[in-house]
Amino acid sequence: GLRRLLDGHRPYPAVVVDRFGDLVAANDALDLLTEGVAPELLEPPVNV
């Protein structure tokens, strides 16, 4: 259900995070925010 919400929010970015801000899921519009971000910050677990 969350993934359907994420997909339905495109073309705008959307993420699901846990209580510490760790990324659980995201739509592909997240690329807008992660462009230019260092690769090590995008290694799981990603903290937003």
All heavy atoms as atom14 arrays in JSON, in Angstrom:
{
  "sequence": "GLRRLLDGHRPYPAVVVDRFGDLVAANDALDLLTEGVAPELLEPPVNV",
  "atom14_mask": [
    [1, 1, 1, 1, 0, 0, 0, 0, 0, 0, 0, 0, 0, 0],
    [1, 1, 1, 1, 1, 1, 1, 1, 0, 0, 0, 0, 0, 0],
    [1, 1, 1, 1, 1, 1, 1, 1, 1, 1, 1, 0, 0, 0],
    [1, 1, 1, 1, 1, 1, 1, 1, 1, 1, 1, 0, 0, 0],
    [1, 1, 1, 1, 1, 1, 1, 1, 0, 0, 0, 0, 0, 0],
    [1, 1, 1, 1, 1, 1, 1, 1, 0, 0, 0, 0, 0, 0],
    [1, 1, 1, 1, 1, 1, 1, 1, 0, 0, 0, 0, 0, 0],
    [1, 1, 1, 1, 0, 0, 0, 0, 0, 0, 0, 0, 0, 0],
    [1, 1, 1, 1, 1, 1, 1, 1, 1, 1, 0, 0, 0, 0],
    [1, 1, 1, 1, 1, 1, 1, 1, 1, 1, 1, 0, 0, 0],
    [1, 1, 1, 1, 1, 1, 1, 0, 0, 0, 0, 0, 0, 0],
    [1, 1, 1, 1, 1, 1, 1, 1, 1, 1, 1, 1, 0, 0],
    [1, 1, 1, 1, 1, 1, 1, 0, 0, 0, 0, 0, 0, 0],
    [1, 1, 1, 1, 1, 0, 0, 0, 0, 0, 0, 0, 0, 0],
    [1, 1, 1, 1, 1, 1, 1, 0, 0, 0, 0, 0, 0, 0],
    [1, 1, 1, 1, 1, 1, 1, 0, 0, 0, 0, 0, 0, 0],
    [1, 1, 1, 1, 1, 1, 1, 0, 0, 0, 0, 0, 0, 0],
    [1, 1, 1, 1, 1, 1, 1, 1, 0, 0, 0, 0, 0, 0],
    [1, 1, 1, 1, 1, 1, 1, 1, 1, 1, 1, 0, 0, 0],
    [1, 1, 1, 1, 1, 1, 1, 1, 1, 1, 1, 0, 0, 0],
    [1, 1, 1, 1, 0, 0, 0, 0, 0, 0, 0, 0, 0, 0],
    [1, 1, 1, 1, 1, 1, 1, 1, 0, 0, 0, 0, 0, 0],
    [1, 1, 1, 1, 1, 1, 1, 1, 0, 0, 0, 0, 0, 0],
    [1, 1, 1, 1, 1, 1, 1, 0, 0, 0, 0, 0, 0, 0],
    [1, 1, 1, 1, 1, 0, 0, 0, 0, 0, 0, 0, 0, 0],
    [1, 1, 1, 1, 1, 0, 0, 0, 0, 0, 0, 0, 0, 0],
    [1, 1, 1, 1, 1, 1, 1, 1, 0, 0, 0, 0, 0, 0],
    [1, 1, 1, 1, 1, 1, 1, 1, 0, 0, 0, 0, 0, 0],
    [1, 1, 1, 1, 1, 0, 0, 0, 0, 0, 0, 0, 0, 0],
    [1, 1, 1, 1, 1, 1, 1, 1, 0, 0, 0, 0, 0, 0],
    [1, 1, 1, 1, 1, 1, 1, 1, 0, 0, 0, 0, 0, 0],
    [1, 1, 1, 1, 1, 1, 1, 1, 0, 0, 0, 0, 0, 0],
    [1, 1, 1, 1, 1, 1, 1, 1, 0, 0, 0, 0, 0, 0],
    [1, 1, 1, 1, 1, 1, 1, 0, 0, 0, 0, 0, 0, 0],
    [1, 1, 1, 1, 1, 1, 1, 1, 1, 0, 0, 0, 0, 0],
    [1, 1, 1, 1, 0, 0, 0, 0, 0, 0, 0, 0, 0, 0],
    [1, 1, 1, 1, 1, 1, 1, 0, 0, 0, 0, 0, 0, 0],
    [1, 1, 1, 1, 1, 0, 0, 0, 0, 0, 0, 0, 0, 0],
    [1, 1, 1, 1, 1, 1, 1, 0, 0, 0, 0, 0, 0, 0],
    [1, 1, 1, 1, 1, 1, 1, 1, 1, 0, 0, 0, 0, 0],
    [1, 1, 1, 1, 1, 1, 1, 1, 0, 0, 0, 0, 0, 0],
    [1, 1, 1, 1, 1, 1, 1, 1, 0, 0, 0, 0, 0, 0],
    [1, 1, 1, 1, 1, 1, 1, 1, 1, 0, 0, 0, 0, 0],
    [1, 1, 1, 1, 1, 1, 1, 0, 0, 0, 0, 0, 0, 0],
    [1, 1, 1, 1, 1, 1, 1, 0, 0, 0, 0, 0, 0, 0],
    [1, 1, 1, 1, 1, 1, 1, 0, 0, 0, 0, 0, 0, 0],
    [1, 1, 1, 1, 1, 1, 1, 1, 0, 0, 0, 0, 0, 0],
    [1, 1, 1, 1, 1, 1, 1, 0, 0, 0, 0, 0, 0, 0]
  ],
  "atom14_positions": [
    [[0.82, -1.21, 0.0], [0.0, 0.0, 0.0], [0.85, 1.26, 0.0], [0.54, 2.24, -0.71], [0.0, 0.0, 0.0], [0.0, 0.0, 0.0], [0.0, 0.0, 0.0], [0.0, 0.0, 0.0], [0.0, 0.0, 0.0], [0.0, 0.0, 0.0], [0.0, 0.0, 0.0], [0.0, 0.0, 0.0], [0.0, 0.0, 0.0], [0.0, 0.0, 0.0]],
    [[1.93, 1.24, 0.76], [2.82, 2.4, 0.79], [3.49, 2.61, -0.57], [3.64, 3.75, -1.02], [3.89, 2.2, 1.87], [3.41, 2.39, 3.31], [4.48, 1.95, 4.29], [3.03, 3.85, 3.56], [0.0, 0.0, 0.0], [0.0, 0.0, 0.0], [0.0, 0.0, 0.0], [0.0, 0.0, 0.0], [0.0, 0.0, 0.0], [0.0, 0.0, 0.0]],
    [[3.86, 1.52, -1.22], [4.5, 1.66, -2.53], [3.52, 2.23, -3.56], [3.91, 2.99, -4.45], [5.05, 0.3, -2.99], [6.26, -0.14, -2.16], [6.94, -1.37, -2.76], [8.08, -1.77, -1.94], [8.05, -2.73, -1.03], [6.92, -3.42, -0.83], [9.12, -3.02, -0.32], [0.0, 0.0, 0.0], [0.0, 0.0, 0.0], [0.0, 0.0, 0.0]],
    [[2.25, 1.87, -3.44], [1.24, 2.45, -4.34], [1.13, 3.96, -4.09], [0.98, 4.75, -5.04], [-0.1, 1.76, -4.16], [-0.17, 0.38, -4.81], [-1.6, -0.15, -4.87], [-2.09, -0.53, -3.56], [-1.93, -1.72, -3.0], [-1.27, -2.67, -3.66], [-2.43, -1.99, -1.82], [0.0, 0.0, 0.0], [0.0, 0.0, 0.0], [0.0, 0.0, 0.0]],
    [[1.18, 4.36, -2.82], [1.15, 5.78, -2.51], [2.39, 6.48, -3.06], [2.3, 7.6, -3.59], [1.07, 5.98, -1.0], [-0.26, 5.61, -0.33], [-0.13, 5.71, 1.19], [-1.37, 6.53, -0.82], [0.0, 0.0, 0.0], [0.0, 0.0, 0.0], [0.0, 0.0, 0.0], [0.0, 0.0, 0.0], [0.0, 0.0, 0.0], [0.0, 0.0, 0.0]],
    [[3.54, 5.83, -2.93], [4.77, 6.42, -3.46], [4.68, 6.59, -4.97], [5.02, 7.67, -5.5], [5.97, 5.53, -3.11], [6.36, 5.44, -1.63], [7.42, 4.35, -1.44], [6.88, 6.77, -1.12], [0.0, 0.0, 0.0], [0.0, 0.0, 0.0], [0.0, 0.0, 0.0], [0.0, 0.0, 0.0], [0.0, 0.0, 0.0], [0.0, 0.0, 0.0]],
    [[4.24, 5.56, -5.65], [4.13, 5.64, -7.11], [3.1, 6.69, -7.52], [3.3, 7.41, -8.5], [3.75, 4.27, -7.69], [4.87, 3.25, -7.56], [6.03, 3.67, -7.36], [4.59, 2.04, -7.64], [0.0, 0.0, 0.0], [0.0, 0.0, 0.0], [0.0, 0.0, 0.0], [0.0, 0.0, 0.0], [0.0, 0.0, 0.0], [0.0, 0.0, 0.0]],
    [[2.01, 6.77, -6.78], [0.96, 7.72, -7.13], [1.37, 9.17, -6.9], [0.72, 10.08, -7.42], [0.0, 0.0, 0.0], [0.0, 0.0, 0.0], [0.0, 0.0, 0.0], [0.0, 0.0, 0.0], [0.0, 0.0, 0.0], [0.0, 0.0, 0.0], [0.0, 0.0, 0.0], [0.0, 0.0, 0.0], [0.0, 0.0, 0.0], [0.0, 0.0, 0.0]],
    [[2.44, 9.38, -6.15], [2.88, 10.75, -5.86], [3.8, 11.3, -6.94], [4.11, 12.49, -6.94], [3.6, 10.78, -4.51], [3.77, 12.15, -3.96], [2.73, 12.95, -3.55], [4.9, 12.91, -3.77], [3.2, 14.12, -3.12], [4.51, 14.11, -3.25], [0.0, 0.0, 0.0], [0.0, 0.0, 0.0], [0.0, 0.0, 0.0], [0.0, 0.0, 0.0]],
    [[4.25, 10.46, -7.86], [5.11, 10.96, -8.94], [4.37, 12.01, -9.76], [3.14, 11.93, -9.91], [5.54, 9.8, -9.84], [6.49, 8.83, -9.14], [6.92, 7.71, -10.04], [5.79, 6.86, -10.44], [5.89, 5.74, -11.13], [7.06, 5.3, -11.5], [4.82, 5.04, -11.44], [0.0, 0.0, 0.0], [0.0, 0.0, 0.0], [0.0, 0.0, 0.0]],
    [[5.02, 13.06, -10.25], [6.46, 13.25, -10.41], [7.17, 13.89, -9.21], [8.28, 14.38, -9.34], [6.54, 14.18, -11.61], [5.34, 15.06, -11.44], [4.26, 14.14, -10.9], [0.0, 0.0, 0.0], [0.0, 0.0, 0.0], [0.0, 0.0, 0.0], [0.0, 0.0, 0.0], [0.0, 0.0, 0.0], [0.0, 0.0, 0.0], [0.0, 0.0, 0.0]],
    [[6.51, 13.89, -8.05], [7.12, 14.51, -6.89], [7.78, 13.45, -6.01], [7.27, 12.34, -5.89], [6.07, 15.28, -6.07], [5.22, 16.2, -6.9], [3.83, 16.21, -6.77], [5.8, 17.06, -7.84], [3.05, 17.05, -7.53], [5.01, 17.9, -8.61], [3.63, 17.89, -8.45], [2.86, 18.73, -9.22], [0.0, 0.0, 0.0], [0.0, 0.0, 0.0]],
    [[8.9, 13.79, -5.37], [9.59, 12.8, -4.53], [8.75, 12.41, -3.31], [7.99, 13.21, -2.77], [10.86, 13.54, -4.08], [11.02, 14.68, -5.02], [9.63, 15.06, -5.44], [0.0, 0.0, 0.0], [0.0, 0.0, 0.0], [0.0, 0.0, 0.0], [0.0, 0.0, 0.0], [0.0, 0.0, 0.0], [0.0, 0.0, 0.0], [0.0, 0.0, 0.0]],
    [[8.93, 11.17, -2.87], [8.27, 10.68, -1.66], [9.09, 9.54, -1.1], [9.68, 8.75, -1.85], [6.85, 10.21, -1.96], [0.0, 0.0, 0.0], [0.0, 0.0, 0.0], [0.0, 0.0, 0.0], [0.0, 0.0, 0.0], [0.0, 0.0, 0.0], [0.0, 0.0, 0.0], [0.0, 0.0, 0.0], [0.0, 0.0, 0.0], [0.0, 0.0, 0.0]],
    [[9.16, 9.48, 0.22], [9.95, 8.44, 0.89], [9.17, 7.88, 2.07], [8.28, 8.53, 2.62], [11.3, 8.99, 1.4], [12.16, 9.49, 0.24], [11.09, 10.12, 2.43], [0.0, 0.0, 0.0], [0.0, 0.0, 0.0], [0.0, 0.0, 0.0], [0.0, 0.0, 0.0], [0.0, 0.0, 0.0], [0.0, 0.0, 0.0], [0.0, 0.0, 0.0]],
    [[9.53, 6.66, 2.47], [9.05, 6.06, 3.72], [10.29, 5.85, 4.57], [11.28, 5.27, 4.11], [8.33, 4.73, 3.49], [7.92, 4.11, 4.82], [7.1, 4.94, 2.61], [0.0, 0.0, 0.0], [0.0, 0.0, 0.0], [0.0, 0.0, 0.0], [0.0, 0.0, 0.0], [0.0, 0.0, 0.0], [0.0, 0.0, 0.0], [0.0, 0.0, 0.0]],
    [[10.26, 6.34, 5.81], [11.41, 6.21, 6.7], [10.96, 5.61, 8.03], [9.77, 5.62, 8.36], [12.1, 7.57, 6.96], [12.63, 8.15, 5.66], [11.14, 8.55, 7.62], [0.0, 0.0, 0.0], [0.0, 0.0, 0.0], [0.0, 0.0, 0.0], [0.0, 0.0, 0.0], [0.0, 0.0, 0.0], [0.0, 0.0, 0.0], [0.0, 0.0, 0.0]],
    [[11.93, 5.08, 8.79], [11.62, 4.57, 10.12], [11.82, 5.67, 11.15], [12.05, 6.83, 10.81], [12.44, 3.32, 10.43], [13.94, 3.6, 10.56], [14.35, 4.78, 10.65], [14.72, 2.63, 10.59], [0.0, 0.0, 0.0], [0.0, 0.0, 0.0], [0.0, 0.0, 0.0], [0.0, 0.0, 0.0], [0.0, 0.0, 0.0], [0.0, 0.0, 0.0]],
    [[11.77, 5.33, 12.42], [11.79, 6.35, 13.47], [13.12, 7.08, 13.56], [13.19, 8.18, 14.1], [11.47, 5.72, 14.83], [12.48, 4.66, 15.3], [12.1, 4.14, 16.67], [12.95, 3.05, 17.11], [13.28, 2.83, 18.36], [12.84, 3.65, 19.31], [14.04, 1.81, 18.68], [0.0, 0.0, 0.0], [0.0, 0.0, 0.0], [0.0, 0.0, 0.0]],
    [[14.18, 6.5, 12.99], [15.49, 7.14, 13.03], [15.82, 7.88, 11.73], [16.91, 8.42, 11.59], [16.59, 6.12, 13.32], [16.43, 5.46, 14.67], [16.24, 4.09, 14.76], [16.48, 6.2, 15.84], [16.1, 3.47, 16.0], [16.34, 5.6, 17.07], [16.15, 4.23, 17.16], [0.0, 0.0, 0.0], [0.0, 0.0, 0.0], [0.0, 0.0, 0.0]],
    [[14.89, 7.87, 10.78], [15.15, 8.52, 9.5], [15.82, 7.63, 8.48], [16.26, 8.11, 7.44], [0.0, 0.0, 0.0], [0.0, 0.0, 0.0], [0.0, 0.0, 0.0], [0.0, 0.0, 0.0], [0.0, 0.0, 0.0], [0.0, 0.0, 0.0], [0.0, 0.0, 0.0], [0.0, 0.0, 0.0], [0.0, 0.0, 0.0], [0.0, 0.0, 0.0]],
    [[15.9, 6.31, 8.76], [16.48, 5.39, 7.78], [15.46, 5.1, 6.69], [14.27, 4.87, 6.98], [16.9, 4.08, 8.45], [18.14, 4.24, 9.32], [18.87, 5.24, 9.14], [18.38, 3.38, 10.18], [0.0, 0.0, 0.0], [0.0, 0.0, 0.0], [0.0, 0.0, 0.0], [0.0, 0.0, 0.0], [0.0, 0.0, 0.0], [0.0, 0.0, 0.0]],
    [[15.93, 5.09, 5.45], [15.05, 4.94, 4.3], [14.53, 3.51, 4.21], [15.3, 2.55, 4.24], [15.81, 5.3, 3.03], [15.01, 5.33, 1.73], [13.97, 6.45, 1.76], [15.94, 5.51, 0.53], [0.0, 0.0, 0.0], [0.0, 0.0, 0.0], [0.0, 0.0, 0.0], [0.0, 0.0, 0.0], [0.0, 0.0, 0.0], [0.0, 0.0, 0.0]],
    [[13.21, 3.37, 4.09], [12.56, 2.07, 3.92], [12.16, 1.86, 2.47], [12.33, 0.79, 1.9], [11.33, 1.96, 4.85], [10.55, 0.68, 4.56], [11.76, 2.01, 6.31], [0.0, 0.0, 0.0], [0.0, 0.0, 0.0], [0.0, 0.0, 0.0], [0.0, 0.0, 0.0], [0.0, 0.0, 0.0], [0.0, 0.0, 0.0], [0.0, 0.0, 0.0]],
    [[11.63, 2.9, 1.84], [11.2, 2.83, 0.44], [11.12, 4.25, -0.11], [11.06, 5.22, 0.64], [9.84, 2.14, 0.32], [0.0, 0.0, 0.0], [0.0, 0.0, 0.0], [0.0, 0.0, 0.0], [0.0, 0.0, 0.0], [0.0, 0.0, 0.0], [0.0, 0.0, 0.0], [0.0, 0.0, 0.0], [0.0, 0.0, 0.0], [0.0, 0.0, 0.0]],
    [[11.14, 4.36, -1.44], [11.07, 5.67, -2.1], [10.57, 5.48, -3.52], [10.63, 4.37, -4.08], [12.44, 6.35, -2.11], [0.0, 0.0, 0.0], [0.0, 0.0, 0.0], [0.0, 0.0, 0.0], [0.0, 0.0, 0.0], [0.0, 0.0, 0.0], [0.0, 0.0, 0.0], [0.0, 0.0, 0.0], [0.0, 0.0, 0.0], [0.0, 0.0, 0.0]],
    [[10.05, 6.54, -4.12], [9.72, 6.48, -5.54], [10.92, 6.97, -6.36], [11.89, 7.5, -5.8], [8.43, 7.24, -5.87], [8.55, 8.74, -5.61], [9.64, 9.3, -5.42], [7.41, 9.42, -5.61], [0.0, 0.0, 0.0], [0.0, 0.0, 0.0], [0.0, 0.0, 0.0], [0.0, 0.0, 0.0], [0.0, 0.0, 0.0], [0.0, 0.0, 0.0]],
    [[10.85, 6.79, -7.68], [12.02, 7.12, -8.5], [12.26, 8.62, -8.62], [13.32, 9.05, -9.07], [11.93, 6.47, -9.88], [10.63, 6.79, -10.6], [9.91, 7.73, -10.17], [10.31, 6.11, -11.59], [0.0, 0.0, 0.0], [0.0, 0.0, 0.0], [0.0, 0.0, 0.0], [0.0, 0.0, 0.0], [0.0, 0.0, 0.0], [0.0, 0.0, 0.0]],
    [[11.29, 9.44, -8.18], [11.5, 10.88, -8.19], [12.49, 11.32, -7.12], [12.91, 12.47, -7.1], [10.17, 11.62, -8.01], [0.0, 0.0, 0.0], [0.0, 0.0, 0.0], [0.0, 0.0, 0.0], [0.0, 0.0, 0.0], [0.0, 0.0, 0.0], [0.0, 0.0, 0.0], [0.0, 0.0, 0.0], [0.0, 0.0, 0.0], [0.0, 0.0, 0.0]],
    [[12.88, 10.39, -6.25], [13.9, 10.72, -5.24], [15.21, 11.11, -5.9], [16.03, 11.81, -5.3], [14.12, 9.52, -4.31], [15.09, 9.75, -3.15], [14.54, 10.79, -2.17], [15.39, 8.44, -2.42], [0.0, 0.0, 0.0], [0.0, 0.0, 0.0], [0.0, 0.0, 0.0], [0.0, 0.0, 0.0], [0.0, 0.0, 0.0], [0.0, 0.0, 0.0]],
    [[15.42, 10.7, -7.15], [16.65, 11.07, -7.87], [16.83, 12.58, -7.9], [17.96, 13.07, -7.96], [16.61, 10.54, -9.3], [16.7, 9.01, -9.36], [17.04, 8.41, -8.31], [16.42, 8.44, -10.42], [0.0, 0.0, 0.0], [0.0, 0.0, 0.0], [0.0, 0.0, 0.0], [0.0, 0.0, 0.0], [0.0, 0.0, 0.0], [0.0, 0.0, 0.0]],
    [[15.74, 13.31, -7.87], [15.81, 14.77, -7.86], [16.57, 15.26, -6.63], [17.31, 16.25, -6.7], [14.38, 15.35, -7.85], [14.25, 16.87, -7.83], [14.59, 17.44, -9.19], [12.84, 17.27, -7.42], [0.0, 0.0, 0.0], [0.0, 0.0, 0.0], [0.0, 0.0, 0.0], [0.0, 0.0, 0.0], [0.0, 0.0, 0.0], [0.0, 0.0, 0.0]],
    [[16.4, 14.57, -5.5], [17.05, 14.99, -4.26], [18.45, 14.41, -4.13], [19.33, 15.02, -3.51], [16.21, 14.55, -3.05], [14.75, 15.0, -3.01], [14.1, 14.54, -1.71], [14.63, 16.51, -3.16], [0.0, 0.0, 0.0], [0.0, 0.0, 0.0], [0.0, 0.0, 0.0], [0.0, 0.0, 0.0], [0.0, 0.0, 0.0], [0.0, 0.0, 0.0]],
    [[18.68, 13.21, -4.68], [19.95, 12.53, -4.48], [20.99, 12.87, -5.53], [22.13, 12.41, -5.43], [19.75, 11.01, -4.45], [19.18, 10.59, -5.7], [18.82, 10.61, -3.31], [0.0, 0.0, 0.0], [0.0, 0.0, 0.0], [0.0, 0.0, 0.0], [0.0, 0.0, 0.0], [0.0, 0.0, 0.0], [0.0, 0.0, 0.0], [0.0, 0.0, 0.0]],
    [[20.63, 13.66, -6.53], [21.6, 14.02, -7.57], [22.82, 14.7, -6.94], [22.7, 15.64, -6.17], [20.95, 14.96, -8.59], [21.9, 15.33, -9.72], [21.23, 16.27, -10.72], [20.05, 16.6, -10.52], [21.91, 16.66, -11.68], [0.0, 0.0, 0.0], [0.0, 0.0, 0.0], [0.0, 0.0, 0.0], [0.0, 0.0, 0.0], [0.0, 0.0, 0.0]],
    [[23.99, 14.18, -7.26], [25.22, 14.77, -6.74], [25.6, 14.33, -5.34], [26.66, 14.71, -4.83], [0.0, 0.0, 0.0], [0.0, 0.0, 0.0], [0.0, 0.0, 0.0], [0.0, 0.0, 0.0], [0.0, 0.0, 0.0], [0.0, 0.0, 0.0], [0.0, 0.0, 0.0], [0.0, 0.0, 0.0], [0.0, 0.0, 0.0], [0.0, 0.0, 0.0]],
    [[24.76, 13.53, -4.7], [25.06, 13.04, -3.35], [26.17, 11.99, -3.44], [26.18, 11.15, -4.33], [23.8, 12.45, -2.69], [24.15, 11.72, -1.39], [22.79, 13.55, -2.42], [0.0, 0.0, 0.0], [0.0, 0.0, 0.0], [0.0, 0.0, 0.0], [0.0, 0.0, 0.0], [0.0, 0.0, 0.0], [0.0, 0.0, 0.0], [0.0, 0.0, 0.0]],
    [[27.13, 12.03, -2.51], [28.24, 11.09, -2.51], [27.74, 9.66, -2.43], [26.8, 9.37, -1.67], [29.18, 11.39, -1.35], [0.0, 0.0, 0.0], [0.0, 0.0, 0.0], [0.0, 0.0, 0.0], [0.0, 0.0, 0.0], [0.0, 0.0, 0.0], [0.0, 0.0, 0.0], [0.0, 0.0, 0.0], [0.0, 0.0, 0.0], [0.0, 0.0, 0.0]],
    [[28.34, 8.74, -3.21], [27.86, 7.35, -3.23], [27.79, 6.7, -1.86], [26.89, 5.91, -1.59], [28.89, 6.65, -4.14], [29.43, 7.73, -5.01], [29.45, 8.97, -4.17], [0.0, 0.0, 0.0], [0.0, 0.0, 0.0], [0.0, 0.0, 0.0], [0.0, 0.0, 0.0], [0.0, 0.0, 0.0], [0.0, 0.0, 0.0], [0.0, 0.0, 0.0]],
    [[28.74, 7.03, -0.97], [28.74, 6.36, 0.34], [27.51, 6.73, 1.17], [27.1, 5.96, 2.05], [30.01, 6.7, 1.14], [30.17, 8.15, 1.53], [30.95, 8.97, 0.52], [31.05, 8.53, -0.65], [31.48, 10.02, 0.9], [0.0, 0.0, 0.0], [0.0, 0.0, 0.0], [0.0, 0.0, 0.0], [0.0, 0.0, 0.0], [0.0, 0.0, 0.0]],
    [[26.9, 7.89, 0.89], [25.7, 8.3, 1.62], [24.46, 7.6, 1.09], [23.39, 7.66, 1.7], [25.5, 9.81, 1.55], [26.59, 10.65, 2.22], [26.31, 12.14, 2.02], [26.68, 10.34, 3.71], [0.0, 0.0, 0.0], [0.0, 0.0, 0.0], [0.0, 0.0, 0.0], [0.0, 0.0, 0.0], [0.0, 0.0, 0.0], [0.0, 0.0, 0.0]],
    [[24.6, 6.94, -0.05], [23.48, 6.23, -0.67], [23.59, 4.72, -0.49], [22.78, 3.97, -1.02], [23.39, 6.58, -2.16], [23.17, 8.07, -2.46], [23.16, 8.3, -3.97], [21.87, 8.56, -1.84], [0.0, 0.0, 0.0], [0.0, 0.0, 0.0], [0.0, 0.0, 0.0], [0.0, 0.0, 0.0], [0.0, 0.0, 0.0], [0.0, 0.0, 0.0]],
    [[24.6, 4.3, 0.29], [24.72, 2.88, 0.61], [23.75, 2.53, 1.75], [23.68, 3.25, 2.75], [26.15, 2.55, 1.06], [27.18, 2.61, -0.06], [27.01, 1.48, -1.05], [26.56, 0.39, -0.64], [27.3, 1.69, -2.24], [0.0, 0.0, 0.0], [0.0, 0.0, 0.0], [0.0, 0.0, 0.0], [0.0, 0.0, 0.0], [0.0, 0.0, 0.0]],
    [[22.96, 1.45, 1.59], [22.02, 1.08, 2.66], [22.74, 0.79, 3.97], [23.86, 0.24, 3.94], [21.36, -0.19, 2.1], [21.55, -0.1, 0.61], [22.88, 0.58, 0.43], [0.0, 0.0, 0.0], [0.0, 0.0, 0.0], [0.0, 0.0, 0.0], [0.0, 0.0, 0.0], [0.0, 0.0, 0.0], [0.0, 0.0, 0.0], [0.0, 0.0, 0.0]],
    [[22.17, 1.13, 5.1], [20.9, 1.86, 5.22], [21.1, 3.36, 5.01], [21.94, 3.99, 5.66], [20.48, 1.58, 6.66], [21.78, 1.39, 7.39], [22.72, 0.75, 6.42], [0.0, 0.0, 0.0], [0.0, 0.0, 0.0], [0.0, 0.0, 0.0], [0.0, 0.0, 0.0], [0.0, 0.0, 0.0], [0.0, 0.0, 0.0], [0.0, 0.0, 0.0]],
    [[20.34, 3.92, 4.08], [20.42, 5.36, 3.79], [19.66, 6.12, 4.87], [18.5, 5.8, 5.15], [19.81, 5.67, 2.41], [19.82, 7.17, 2.16], [20.58, 4.94, 1.32], [0.0, 0.0, 0.0], [0.0, 0.0, 0.0], [0.0, 0.0, 0.0], [0.0, 0.0, 0.0], [0.0, 0.0, 0.0], [0.0, 0.0, 0.0], [0.0, 0.0, 0.0]],
    [[20.31, 7.1, 5.47], [19.62, 7.94, 6.45], [19.31, 9.28, 5.79], [20.23, 10.01, 5.4], [20.47, 8.13, 7.7], [19.72, 8.88, 8.79], [19.69, 10.11, 8.8], [19.1, 8.14, 9.69], [0.0, 0.0, 0.0], [0.0, 0.0, 0.0], [0.0, 0.0, 0.0], [0.0, 0.0, 0.0], [0.0, 0.0, 0.0], [0.0, 0.0, 0.0]],
    [[18.04, 9.61, 5.68], [17.66, 10.81, 4.93], [18.03, 12.09, 5.67], [18.25, 13.13, 5.04], [16.15, 10.81, 4.61], [15.79, 9.61, 3.73], [15.29, 10.81, 5.87], [0.0, 0.0, 0.0], [0.0, 0.0, 0.0], [0.0, 0.0, 0.0], [0.0, 0.0, 0.0], [0.0, 0.0, 0.0], [0.0, 0.0, 0.0], [0.0, 0.0, 0.0]]
  ]
}
